[in-house]
Amino acid sequence: TLMHFAVRLGLLRLTWFLLQQPGGRG
């Protein structure tokens, strides 16, 4: 998932953004 991508690279801001979007928590 996009969340795997953001976390794998350590992208804190992008991870936070994705968490606020539909499907982010899922």
mmCIF file of all heavy atoms, coordinates in Angstrom:
data_MODEL
# 
_entry.id   MODEL 
# 
loop_
_atom_site.group_PDB 
_atom_site.id 
_atom_site.type_symbol 
_atom_site.label_atom_id 
_atom_site.label_alt_id 
_atom_site.label_comp_id 
_atom_site.label_asym_id 
_atom_site.label_entity_id 
_atom_site.label_seq_id 
_atom_site.pdbx_PDB_ins_code 
_atom_site.Cartn_x 
_atom_site.Cartn_y 
_atom_site.Cartn_z 
_atom_site.occupancy 
_atom_site.B_iso_or_equiv 
_atom_site.pdbx_formal_charge 
_atom_site.auth_seq_id 
_atom_site.auth_comp_id 
_atom_site.auth_asym_id 
_atom_site.auth_atom_id 
_atom_site.pdbx_PDB_model_num 
ATOM 1   N N   . THR A 1 1  ? 0.849   -1.193 0.000  1.00 0.00 ? 1  THR A N   1 
ATOM 2   C CA  . THR A 1 1  ? 0.000   0.000  0.000  1.00 0.00 ? 1  THR A CA  1 
ATOM 3   C C   . THR A 1 1  ? 0.883   1.241  0.000  1.00 0.00 ? 1  THR A C   1 
ATOM 4   O O   . THR A 1 1  ? 2.087   1.170  0.267  1.00 0.00 ? 1  THR A O   1 
ATOM 5   C CB  . THR A 1 1  ? -0.913  0.045  1.245  1.00 0.00 ? 1  THR A CB  1 
ATOM 6   O OG1 . THR A 1 1  ? -0.086  0.267  2.410  1.00 0.00 ? 1  THR A OG1 1 
ATOM 7   C CG2 . THR A 1 1  ? -1.698  -1.246 1.416  1.00 0.00 ? 1  THR A CG2 1 
ATOM 8   N N   . LEU A 1 2  ? 0.256   2.371  -0.279 1.00 0.00 ? 2  LEU A N   1 
ATOM 9   C CA  . LEU A 1 2  ? 0.994   3.636  -0.209 1.00 0.00 ? 2  LEU A CA  1 
ATOM 10  C C   . LEU A 1 2  ? 1.536   3.877  1.196  1.00 0.00 ? 2  LEU A C   1 
ATOM 11  O O   . LEU A 1 2  ? 2.582   4.498  1.376  1.00 0.00 ? 2  LEU A O   1 
ATOM 12  C CB  . LEU A 1 2  ? 0.079   4.807  -0.600 1.00 0.00 ? 2  LEU A CB  1 
ATOM 13  C CG  . LEU A 1 2  ? -0.056  5.146  -2.080 1.00 0.00 ? 2  LEU A CG  1 
ATOM 14  C CD1 . LEU A 1 2  ? -1.013  6.318  -2.251 1.00 0.00 ? 2  LEU A CD1 1 
ATOM 15  C CD2 . LEU A 1 2  ? 1.307   5.480  -2.687 1.00 0.00 ? 2  LEU A CD2 1 
ATOM 16  N N   . MET A 1 3  ? 0.813   3.366  2.207  1.00 0.00 ? 3  MET A N   1 
ATOM 17  C CA  . MET A 1 3  ? 1.262   3.547  3.589  1.00 0.00 ? 3  MET A CA  1 
ATOM 18  C C   . MET A 1 3  ? 2.555   2.775  3.831  1.00 0.00 ? 3  MET A C   1 
ATOM 19  O O   . MET A 1 3  ? 3.462   3.277  4.519  1.00 0.00 ? 3  MET A O   1 
ATOM 20  C CB  . MET A 1 3  ? 0.169   3.099  4.560  1.00 0.00 ? 3  MET A CB  1 
ATOM 21  C CG  . MET A 1 3  ? 0.426   3.517  5.993  1.00 0.00 ? 3  MET A CG  1 
ATOM 22  S SD  . MET A 1 3  ? 0.316   5.305  6.217  1.00 0.00 ? 3  MET A SD  1 
ATOM 23  C CE  . MET A 1 3  ? -1.463  5.519  6.238  1.00 0.00 ? 3  MET A CE  1 
ATOM 24  N N   . HIS A 1 4  ? 2.669   1.567  3.269  1.00 0.00 ? 4  HIS A N   1 
ATOM 25  C CA  . HIS A 1 4  ? 3.924   0.810  3.365  1.00 0.00 ? 4  HIS A CA  1 
ATOM 26  C C   . HIS A 1 4  ? 5.072   1.634  2.765  1.00 0.00 ? 4  HIS A C   1 
ATOM 27  O O   . HIS A 1 4  ? 6.162   1.714  3.334  1.00 0.00 ? 4  HIS A O   1 
ATOM 28  C CB  . HIS A 1 4  ? 3.825   -0.523 2.614  1.00 0.00 ? 4  HIS A CB  1 
ATOM 29  C CG  . HIS A 1 4  ? 3.046   -1.579 3.326  1.00 0.00 ? 4  HIS A CG  1 
ATOM 30  N ND1 . HIS A 1 4  ? 1.695   -1.766 3.126  1.00 0.00 ? 4  HIS A ND1 1 
ATOM 31  C CD2 . HIS A 1 4  ? 3.419   -2.528 4.237  1.00 0.00 ? 4  HIS A CD2 1 
ATOM 32  C CE1 . HIS A 1 4  ? 1.276   -2.769 3.880  1.00 0.00 ? 4  HIS A CE1 1 
ATOM 33  N NE2 . HIS A 1 4  ? 2.298   -3.261 4.560  1.00 0.00 ? 4  HIS A NE2 1 
ATOM 34  N N   . PHE A 1 5  ? 4.821   2.215  1.598  1.00 0.00 ? 5  PHE A N   1 
ATOM 35  C CA  . PHE A 1 5  ? 5.849   3.016  0.921  1.00 0.00 ? 5  PHE A CA  1 
ATOM 36  C C   . PHE A 1 5  ? 6.322   4.166  1.807  1.00 0.00 ? 5  PHE A C   1 
ATOM 37  O O   . PHE A 1 5  ? 7.524   4.369  2.009  1.00 0.00 ? 5  PHE A O   1 
ATOM 38  C CB  . PHE A 1 5  ? 5.299   3.562  -0.405 1.00 0.00 ? 5  PHE A CB  1 
ATOM 39  C CG  . PHE A 1 5  ? 6.113   4.687  -0.980 1.00 0.00 ? 5  PHE A CG  1 
ATOM 40  C CD1 . PHE A 1 5  ? 7.298   4.431  -1.663 1.00 0.00 ? 5  PHE A CD1 1 
ATOM 41  C CD2 . PHE A 1 5  ? 5.711   6.012  -0.824 1.00 0.00 ? 5  PHE A CD2 1 
ATOM 42  C CE1 . PHE A 1 5  ? 8.063   5.469  -2.192 1.00 0.00 ? 5  PHE A CE1 1 
ATOM 43  C CE2 . PHE A 1 5  ? 6.464   7.051  -1.345 1.00 0.00 ? 5  PHE A CE2 1 
ATOM 44  C CZ  . PHE A 1 5  ? 7.649   6.781  -2.035 1.00 0.00 ? 5  PHE A CZ  1 
ATOM 45  N N   . ALA A 1 6  ? 5.363   4.952  2.346  1.00 0.00 ? 6  ALA A N   1 
ATOM 46  C CA  . ALA A 1 6  ? 5.716   6.126  3.144  1.00 0.00 ? 6  ALA A CA  1 
ATOM 47  C C   . ALA A 1 6  ? 6.478   5.729  4.404  1.00 0.00 ? 6  ALA A C   1 
ATOM 48  O O   . ALA A 1 6  ? 7.474   6.366  4.774  1.00 0.00 ? 6  ALA A O   1 
ATOM 49  C CB  . ALA A 1 6  ? 4.453   6.906  3.505  1.00 0.00 ? 6  ALA A CB  1 
ATOM 50  N N   . VAL A 1 7  ? 6.036   4.663  5.071  1.00 0.00 ? 7  VAL A N   1 
ATOM 51  C CA  . VAL A 1 7  ? 6.676   4.233  6.313  1.00 0.00 ? 7  VAL A CA  1 
ATOM 52  C C   . VAL A 1 7  ? 8.053   3.636  6.032  1.00 0.00 ? 7  VAL A C   1 
ATOM 53  O O   . VAL A 1 7  ? 9.017   3.885  6.771  1.00 0.00 ? 7  VAL A O   1 
ATOM 54  C CB  . VAL A 1 7  ? 5.782   3.219  7.058  1.00 0.00 ? 7  VAL A CB  1 
ATOM 55  C CG1 . VAL A 1 7  ? 6.532   2.606  8.240  1.00 0.00 ? 7  VAL A CG1 1 
ATOM 56  C CG2 . VAL A 1 7  ? 4.507   3.891  7.538  1.00 0.00 ? 7  VAL A CG2 1 
ATOM 57  N N   . ARG A 1 8  ? 8.165   2.862  4.962  1.00 0.00 ? 8  ARG A N   1 
ATOM 58  C CA  . ARG A 1 8  ? 9.439   2.215  4.649  1.00 0.00 ? 8  ARG A CA  1 
ATOM 59  C C   . ARG A 1 8  ? 10.551  3.247  4.455  1.00 0.00 ? 8  ARG A C   1 
ATOM 60  O O   . ARG A 1 8  ? 11.695  3.026  4.859  1.00 0.00 ? 8  ARG A O   1 
ATOM 61  C CB  . ARG A 1 8  ? 9.291   1.361  3.379  1.00 0.00 ? 8  ARG A CB  1 
ATOM 62  C CG  . ARG A 1 8  ? 10.501  0.496  3.078  1.00 0.00 ? 8  ARG A CG  1 
ATOM 63  C CD  . ARG A 1 8  ? 10.297  -0.334 1.836  1.00 0.00 ? 8  ARG A CD  1 
ATOM 64  N NE  . ARG A 1 8  ? 9.411   -1.465 2.074  1.00 0.00 ? 8  ARG A NE  1 
ATOM 65  C CZ  . ARG A 1 8  ? 8.180   -1.571 1.575  1.00 0.00 ? 8  ARG A CZ  1 
ATOM 66  N NH1 . ARG A 1 8  ? 7.696   -0.623 0.798  1.00 0.00 ? 8  ARG A NH1 1 
ATOM 67  N NH2 . ARG A 1 8  ? 7.454   -2.630 1.845  1.00 0.00 ? 8  ARG A NH2 1 
ATOM 68  N N   . LEU A 1 9  ? 10.230  4.370  3.849  1.00 0.00 ? 9  LEU A N   1 
ATOM 69  C CA  . LEU A 1 9  ? 11.240  5.412  3.635  1.00 0.00 ? 9  LEU A CA  1 
ATOM 70  C C   . LEU A 1 9  ? 11.341  6.385  4.816  1.00 0.00 ? 9  LEU A C   1 
ATOM 71  O O   . LEU A 1 9  ? 12.166  7.288  4.806  1.00 0.00 ? 9  LEU A O   1 
ATOM 72  C CB  . LEU A 1 9  ? 10.932  6.199  2.356  1.00 0.00 ? 9  LEU A CB  1 
ATOM 73  C CG  . LEU A 1 9  ? 11.233  5.501  1.034  1.00 0.00 ? 9  LEU A CG  1 
ATOM 74  C CD1 . LEU A 1 9  ? 10.942  6.441  -0.131 1.00 0.00 ? 9  LEU A CD1 1 
ATOM 75  C CD2 . LEU A 1 9  ? 12.681  5.027  0.966  1.00 0.00 ? 9  LEU A CD2 1 
ATOM 76  N N   . GLY A 1 10 ? 10.466  6.221  5.813  1.00 0.00 ? 10 GLY A N   1 
ATOM 77  C CA  . GLY A 1 10 ? 10.518  7.117  6.973  1.00 0.00 ? 10 GLY A CA  1 
ATOM 78  C C   . GLY A 1 10 ? 9.957   8.495  6.696  1.00 0.00 ? 10 GLY A C   1 
ATOM 79  O O   . GLY A 1 10 ? 10.417  9.490  7.265  1.00 0.00 ? 10 GLY A O   1 
ATOM 80  N N   . LEU A 1 11 ? 8.944   8.579  5.831  1.00 0.00 ? 11 LEU A N   1 
ATOM 81  C CA  . LEU A 1 11 ? 8.360   9.872  5.438  1.00 0.00 ? 11 LEU A CA  1 
ATOM 82  C C   . LEU A 1 11 ? 7.248   10.251 6.426  1.00 0.00 ? 11 LEU A C   1 
ATOM 83  O O   . LEU A 1 11 ? 6.084   9.908  6.246  1.00 0.00 ? 11 LEU A O   1 
ATOM 84  C CB  . LEU A 1 11 ? 7.822   9.791  4.007  1.00 0.00 ? 11 LEU A CB  1 
ATOM 85  C CG  . LEU A 1 11 ? 8.840   9.319  2.947  1.00 0.00 ? 11 LEU A CG  1 
ATOM 86  C CD1 . LEU A 1 11 ? 8.198   9.258  1.571  1.00 0.00 ? 11 LEU A CD1 1 
ATOM 87  C CD2 . LEU A 1 11 ? 10.065  10.229 2.933  1.00 0.00 ? 11 LEU A CD2 1 
ATOM 88  N N   . LEU A 1 12 ? 7.629   10.979 7.460  1.00 0.00 ? 12 LEU A N   1 
ATOM 89  C CA  . LEU A 1 12 ? 6.713   11.296 8.563  1.00 0.00 ? 12 LEU A CA  1 
ATOM 90  C C   . LEU A 1 12 ? 5.542   12.166 8.099  1.00 0.00 ? 12 LEU A C   1 
ATOM 91  O O   . LEU A 1 12 ? 4.380   11.888 8.416  1.00 0.00 ? 12 LEU A O   1 
ATOM 92  C CB  . LEU A 1 12 ? 7.493   12.007 9.668  1.00 0.00 ? 12 LEU A CB  1 
ATOM 93  C CG  . LEU A 1 12 ? 6.787   12.222 11.001 1.00 0.00 ? 12 LEU A CG  1 
ATOM 94  C CD1 . LEU A 1 12 ? 6.534   10.894 11.690 1.00 0.00 ? 12 LEU A CD1 1 
ATOM 95  C CD2 . LEU A 1 12 ? 7.615   13.131 11.910 1.00 0.00 ? 12 LEU A CD2 1 
ATOM 96  N N   . ARG A 1 13 ? 5.833   13.212 7.348  1.00 0.00 ? 13 ARG A N   1 
ATOM 97  C CA  . ARG A 1 13 ? 4.767   14.137 6.921  1.00 0.00 ? 13 ARG A CA  1 
ATOM 98  C C   . ARG A 1 13 ? 3.798   13.453 5.957  1.00 0.00 ? 13 ARG A C   1 
ATOM 99  O O   . ARG A 1 13 ? 2.582   13.633 6.050  1.00 0.00 ? 13 ARG A O   1 
ATOM 100 C CB  . ARG A 1 13 ? 5.373   15.370 6.254  1.00 0.00 ? 13 ARG A CB  1 
ATOM 101 C CG  . ARG A 1 13 ? 6.304   16.193 7.127  1.00 0.00 ? 13 ARG A CG  1 
ATOM 102 C CD  . ARG A 1 13 ? 6.953   17.300 6.304  1.00 0.00 ? 13 ARG A CD  1 
ATOM 103 N NE  . ARG A 1 13 ? 7.936   18.073 7.023  1.00 0.00 ? 13 ARG A NE  1 
ATOM 104 C CZ  . ARG A 1 13 ? 9.227   17.755 7.094  1.00 0.00 ? 13 ARG A CZ  1 
ATOM 105 N NH1 . ARG A 1 13 ? 9.666   16.629 6.515  1.00 0.00 ? 13 ARG A NH1 1 
ATOM 106 N NH2 . ARG A 1 13 ? 10.081  18.521 7.732  1.00 0.00 ? 13 ARG A NH2 1 
ATOM 107 N N   . LEU A 1 14 ? 4.360   12.673 5.011  1.00 0.00 ? 14 LEU A N   1 
ATOM 108 C CA  . LEU A 1 14 ? 3.494   11.993 4.045  1.00 0.00 ? 14 LEU A CA  1 
ATOM 109 C C   . LEU A 1 14 ? 2.628   10.947 4.745  1.00 0.00 ? 14 LEU A C   1 
ATOM 110 O O   . LEU A 1 14 ? 1.446   10.786 4.417  1.00 0.00 ? 14 LEU A O   1 
ATOM 111 C CB  . LEU A 1 14 ? 4.338   11.338 2.946  1.00 0.00 ? 14 LEU A CB  1 
ATOM 112 C CG  . LEU A 1 14 ? 3.544   10.650 1.826  1.00 0.00 ? 14 LEU A CG  1 
ATOM 113 C CD1 . LEU A 1 14 ? 2.588   11.638 1.153  1.00 0.00 ? 14 LEU A CD1 1 
ATOM 114 C CD2 . LEU A 1 14 ? 4.484   10.032 0.794  1.00 0.00 ? 14 LEU A CD2 1 
ATOM 115 N N   . THR A 1 15 ? 3.199   10.255 5.722  1.00 0.00 ? 15 THR A N   1 
ATOM 116 C CA  . THR A 1 15 ? 2.425   9.273  6.490  1.00 0.00 ? 15 THR A CA  1 
ATOM 117 C C   . THR A 1 15 ? 1.254   9.947  7.191  1.00 0.00 ? 15 THR A C   1 
ATOM 118 O O   . THR A 1 15 ? 0.123   9.446  7.175  1.00 0.00 ? 15 THR A O   1 
ATOM 119 C CB  . THR A 1 15 ? 3.313   8.567  7.531  1.00 0.00 ? 15 THR A CB  1 
ATOM 120 O OG1 . THR A 1 15 ? 4.363   7.863  6.849  1.00 0.00 ? 15 THR A OG1 1 
ATOM 121 C CG2 . THR A 1 15 ? 2.521   7.584  8.367  1.00 0.00 ? 15 THR A CG2 1 
ATOM 122 N N   . TRP A 1 16 ? 1.510   11.093 7.811  1.00 0.00 ? 16 TRP A N   1 
ATOM 123 C CA  . TRP A 1 16 ? 0.450   11.829 8.499  1.00 0.00 ? 16 TRP A CA  1 
ATOM 124 C C   . TRP A 1 16 ? -0.644  12.239 7.508  1.00 0.00 ? 16 TRP A C   1 
ATOM 125 O O   . TRP A 1 16 ? -1.843  12.102 7.790  1.00 0.00 ? 16 TRP A O   1 
ATOM 126 C CB  . TRP A 1 16 ? 1.019   13.063 9.191  1.00 0.00 ? 16 TRP A CB  1 
ATOM 127 C CG  . TRP A 1 16 ? -0.028  13.958 9.770  1.00 0.00 ? 16 TRP A CG  1 
ATOM 128 C CD1 . TRP A 1 16 ? -0.512  15.118 9.240  1.00 0.00 ? 16 TRP A CD1 1 
ATOM 129 C CD2 . TRP A 1 16 ? -0.755  13.762 10.987 1.00 0.00 ? 16 TRP A CD2 1 
ATOM 130 N NE1 . TRP A 1 16 ? -1.489  15.651 10.040 1.00 0.00 ? 16 TRP A NE1 1 
ATOM 131 C CE2 . TRP A 1 16 ? -1.649  14.844 11.124 1.00 0.00 ? 16 TRP A CE2 1 
ATOM 132 C CE3 . TRP A 1 16 ? -0.732  12.774 11.973 1.00 0.00 ? 16 TRP A CE3 1 
ATOM 133 C CZ2 . TRP A 1 16 ? -2.514  14.970 12.203 1.00 0.00 ? 16 TRP A CZ2 1 
ATOM 134 C CZ3 . TRP A 1 16 ? -1.593  12.889 13.051 1.00 0.00 ? 16 TRP A CZ3 1 
ATOM 135 C CH2 . TRP A 1 16 ? -2.473  13.987 13.164 1.00 0.00 ? 16 TRP A CH2 1 
ATOM 136 N N   . PHE A 1 17 ? -0.234  12.722 6.338  1.00 0.00 ? 17 PHE A N   1 
ATOM 137 C CA  . PHE A 1 17 ? -1.216  13.121 5.319  1.00 0.00 ? 17 PHE A CA  1 
ATOM 138 C C   . PHE A 1 17 ? -2.079  11.926 4.925  1.00 0.00 ? 17 PHE A C   1 
ATOM 139 O O   . PHE A 1 17 ? -3.311  12.030 4.860  1.00 0.00 ? 17 PHE A O   1 
ATOM 140 C CB  . PHE A 1 17 ? -0.500  13.683 4.088  1.00 0.00 ? 17 PHE A CB  1 
ATOM 141 C CG  . PHE A 1 17 ? -1.427  13.972 2.940  1.00 0.00 ? 17 PHE A CG  1 
ATOM 142 C CD1 . PHE A 1 17 ? -2.130  15.164 2.873  1.00 0.00 ? 17 PHE A CD1 1 
ATOM 143 C CD2 . PHE A 1 17 ? -1.617  13.035 1.926  1.00 0.00 ? 17 PHE A CD2 1 
ATOM 144 C CE1 . PHE A 1 17 ? -3.014  15.416 1.829  1.00 0.00 ? 17 PHE A CE1 1 
ATOM 145 C CE2 . PHE A 1 17 ? -2.491  13.280 0.876  1.00 0.00 ? 17 PHE A CE2 1 
ATOM 146 C CZ  . PHE A 1 17 ? -3.184  14.476 0.825  1.00 0.00 ? 17 PHE A CZ  1 
ATOM 147 N N   . LEU A 1 18 ? -1.439  10.787 4.658  1.00 0.00 ? 18 LEU A N   1 
ATOM 148 C CA  . LEU A 1 18 ? -2.181  9.605  4.227  1.00 0.00 ? 18 LEU A CA  1 
ATOM 149 C C   . LEU A 1 18 ? -3.142  9.110  5.311  1.00 0.00 ? 18 LEU A C   1 
ATOM 150 O O   . LEU A 1 18 ? -4.236  8.623  5.015  1.00 0.00 ? 18 LEU A O   1 
ATOM 151 C CB  . LEU A 1 18 ? -1.214  8.478  3.836  1.00 0.00 ? 18 LEU A CB  1 
ATOM 152 C CG  . LEU A 1 18 ? -0.352  8.740  2.585  1.00 0.00 ? 18 LEU A CG  1 
ATOM 153 C CD1 . LEU A 1 18 ? 0.637   7.603  2.379  1.00 0.00 ? 18 LEU A CD1 1 
ATOM 154 C CD2 . LEU A 1 18 ? -1.217  8.926  1.341  1.00 0.00 ? 18 LEU A CD2 1 
ATOM 155 N N   . LEU A 1 19 ? -2.746  9.257  6.574  1.00 0.00 ? 19 LEU A N   1 
ATOM 156 C CA  . LEU A 1 19 ? -3.611  8.833  7.678  1.00 0.00 ? 19 LEU A CA  1 
ATOM 157 C C   . LEU A 1 19 ? -4.938  9.599  7.696  1.00 0.00 ? 19 LEU A C   1 
ATOM 158 O O   . LEU A 1 19 ? -5.950  9.075  8.150  1.00 0.00 ? 19 LEU A O   1 
ATOM 159 C CB  . LEU A 1 19 ? -2.906  9.035  9.022  1.00 0.00 ? 19 LEU A CB  1 
ATOM 160 C CG  . LEU A 1 19 ? -1.932  7.956  9.471  1.00 0.00 ? 19 LEU A CG  1 
ATOM 161 C CD1 . LEU A 1 19 ? -1.215  8.405  10.746 1.00 0.00 ? 19 LEU A CD1 1 
ATOM 162 C CD2 . LEU A 1 19 ? -2.647  6.633  9.704  1.00 0.00 ? 19 LEU A CD2 1 
ATOM 163 N N   . GLN A 1 20 ? -4.913  10.825 7.199  1.00 0.00 ? 20 GLN A N   1 
ATOM 164 C CA  . GLN A 1 20 ? -6.124  11.652 7.212  1.00 0.00 ? 20 GLN A CA  1 
ATOM 165 C C   . GLN A 1 20 ? -7.033  11.370 6.019  1.00 0.00 ? 20 GLN A C   1 
ATOM 166 O O   . GLN A 1 20 ? -8.159  11.870 5.967  1.00 0.00 ? 20 GLN A O   1 
ATOM 167 C CB  . GLN A 1 20 ? -5.765  13.150 7.209  1.00 0.00 ? 20 GLN A CB  1 
ATOM 168 C CG  . GLN A 1 20 ? -4.651  13.575 8.139  1.00 0.00 ? 20 GLN A CG  1 
ATOM 169 C CD  . GLN A 1 20 ? -4.822  13.080 9.555  1.00 0.00 ? 20 GLN A CD  1 
ATOM 170 O OE1 . GLN A 1 20 ? -5.876  13.238 10.154 1.00 0.00 ? 20 GLN A OE1 1 
ATOM 171 N NE2 . GLN A 1 20 ? -3.778  12.476 10.110 1.00 0.00 ? 20 GLN A NE2 1 
ATOM 172 N N   . GLN A 1 21 ? -6.533  10.598 5.041  1.00 0.00 ? 21 GLN A N   1 
ATOM 173 C CA  . GLN A 1 21 ? -7.303  10.340 3.824  1.00 0.00 ? 21 GLN A CA  1 
ATOM 174 C C   . GLN A 1 21 ? -8.154  9.067  3.961  1.00 0.00 ? 21 GLN A C   1 
ATOM 175 O O   . GLN A 1 21 ? -7.884  8.214  4.798  1.00 0.00 ? 21 GLN A O   1 
ATOM 176 C CB  . GLN A 1 21 ? -6.350  10.191 2.633  1.00 0.00 ? 21 GLN A CB  1 
ATOM 177 C CG  . GLN A 1 21 ? -5.388  11.352 2.445  1.00 0.00 ? 21 GLN A CG  1 
ATOM 178 C CD  . GLN A 1 21 ? -6.072  12.702 2.456  1.00 0.00 ? 21 GLN A CD  1 
ATOM 179 O OE1 . GLN A 1 21 ? -7.031  12.926 1.715  1.00 0.00 ? 21 GLN A OE1 1 
ATOM 180 N NE2 . GLN A 1 21 ? -5.599  13.608 3.314  1.00 0.00 ? 21 GLN A NE2 1 
ATOM 181 N N   . PRO A 1 22 ? -9.192  8.919  3.109  1.00 0.00 ? 22 PRO A N   1 
ATOM 182 C CA  . PRO A 1 22 ? -9.982  7.683  3.118  1.00 0.00 ? 22 PRO A CA  1 
ATOM 183 C C   . PRO A 1 22 ? -9.082  6.465  2.921  1.00 0.00 ? 22 PRO A C   1 
ATOM 184 O O   . PRO A 1 22 ? -8.236  6.455  2.033  1.00 0.00 ? 22 PRO A O   1 
ATOM 185 C CB  . PRO A 1 22 ? -10.937 7.870  1.926  1.00 0.00 ? 22 PRO A CB  1 
ATOM 186 C CG  . PRO A 1 22 ? -11.056 9.357  1.765  1.00 0.00 ? 22 PRO A CG  1 
ATOM 187 C CD  . PRO A 1 22 ? -9.714  9.916  2.145  1.00 0.00 ? 22 PRO A CD  1 
ATOM 188 N N   . GLY A 1 23 ? -9.262  5.459  3.761  1.00 0.00 ? 23 GLY A N   1 
ATOM 189 C CA  . GLY A 1 23 ? -8.453  4.244  3.672  1.00 0.00 ? 23 GLY A CA  1 
ATOM 190 C C   . GLY A 1 23 ? -7.139  4.326  4.412  1.00 0.00 ? 23 GLY A C   1 
ATOM 191 O O   . GLY A 1 23 ? -6.421  3.323  4.514  1.00 0.00 ? 23 GLY A O   1 
ATOM 192 N N   . GLY A 1 24 ? -6.796  5.477  4.960  1.00 0.00 ? 24 GLY A N   1 
ATOM 193 C CA  . GLY A 1 24 ? -5.511  5.655  5.634  1.00 0.00 ? 24 GLY A CA  1 
ATOM 194 C C   . GLY A 1 24 ? -5.370  4.788  6.867  1.00 0.00 ? 24 GLY A C   1 
ATOM 195 O O   . GLY A 1 24 ? -4.364  4.086  7.042  1.00 0.00 ? 24 GLY A O   1 
ATOM 196 N N   . ARG A 1 25 ? -6.375  4.806  7.722  1.00 0.00 ? 25 ARG A N   1 
ATOM 197 C CA  . ARG A 1 25 ? -6.334  3.984  8.942  1.00 0.00 ? 25 ARG A CA  1 
ATOM 198 C C   . ARG A 1 25 ? -6.446  2.498  8.605  1.00 0.00 ? 25 ARG A C   1 
ATOM 199 O O   . ARG A 1 25 ? -5.794  1.658  9.228  1.00 0.00 ? 25 ARG A O   1 
ATOM 200 C CB  . ARG A 1 25 ? -7.465  4.392  9.890  1.00 0.00 ? 25 ARG A CB  1 
ATOM 201 C CG  . ARG A 1 25 ? -7.285  5.760  10.514 1.00 0.00 ? 25 ARG A CG  1 
ATOM 202 C CD  . ARG A 1 25 ? -6.233  5.752  11.586 1.00 0.00 ? 25 ARG A CD  1 
ATOM 203 N NE  . ARG A 1 25 ? -5.871  7.098  12.021 1.00 0.00 ? 25 ARG A NE  1 
ATOM 204 C CZ  . ARG A 1 25 ? -4.889  7.350  12.882 1.00 0.00 ? 25 ARG A CZ  1 
ATOM 205 N NH1 . ARG A 1 25 ? -4.171  6.353  13.391 1.00 0.00 ? 25 ARG A NH1 1 
ATOM 206 N NH2 . ARG A 1 25 ? -4.605  8.592  13.225 1.00 0.00 ? 25 ARG A NH2 1 
ATOM 207 N N   . GLY A 1 26 ? -7.254  2.186  7.597  1.00 0.00 ? 26 GLY A N   1 
ATOM 208 C CA  . GLY A 1 26 ? -7.408  0.795  7.192  1.00 0.00 ? 26 GLY A CA  1 
ATOM 209 C C   . GLY A 1 26 ? -6.108  0.203  6.676  1.00 0.00 ? 26 GLY A C   1 
ATOM 210 O O   . GLY A 1 26 ? -5.850  -0.996 6.845  1.00 0.00 ? 26 GLY A O   1 
# 
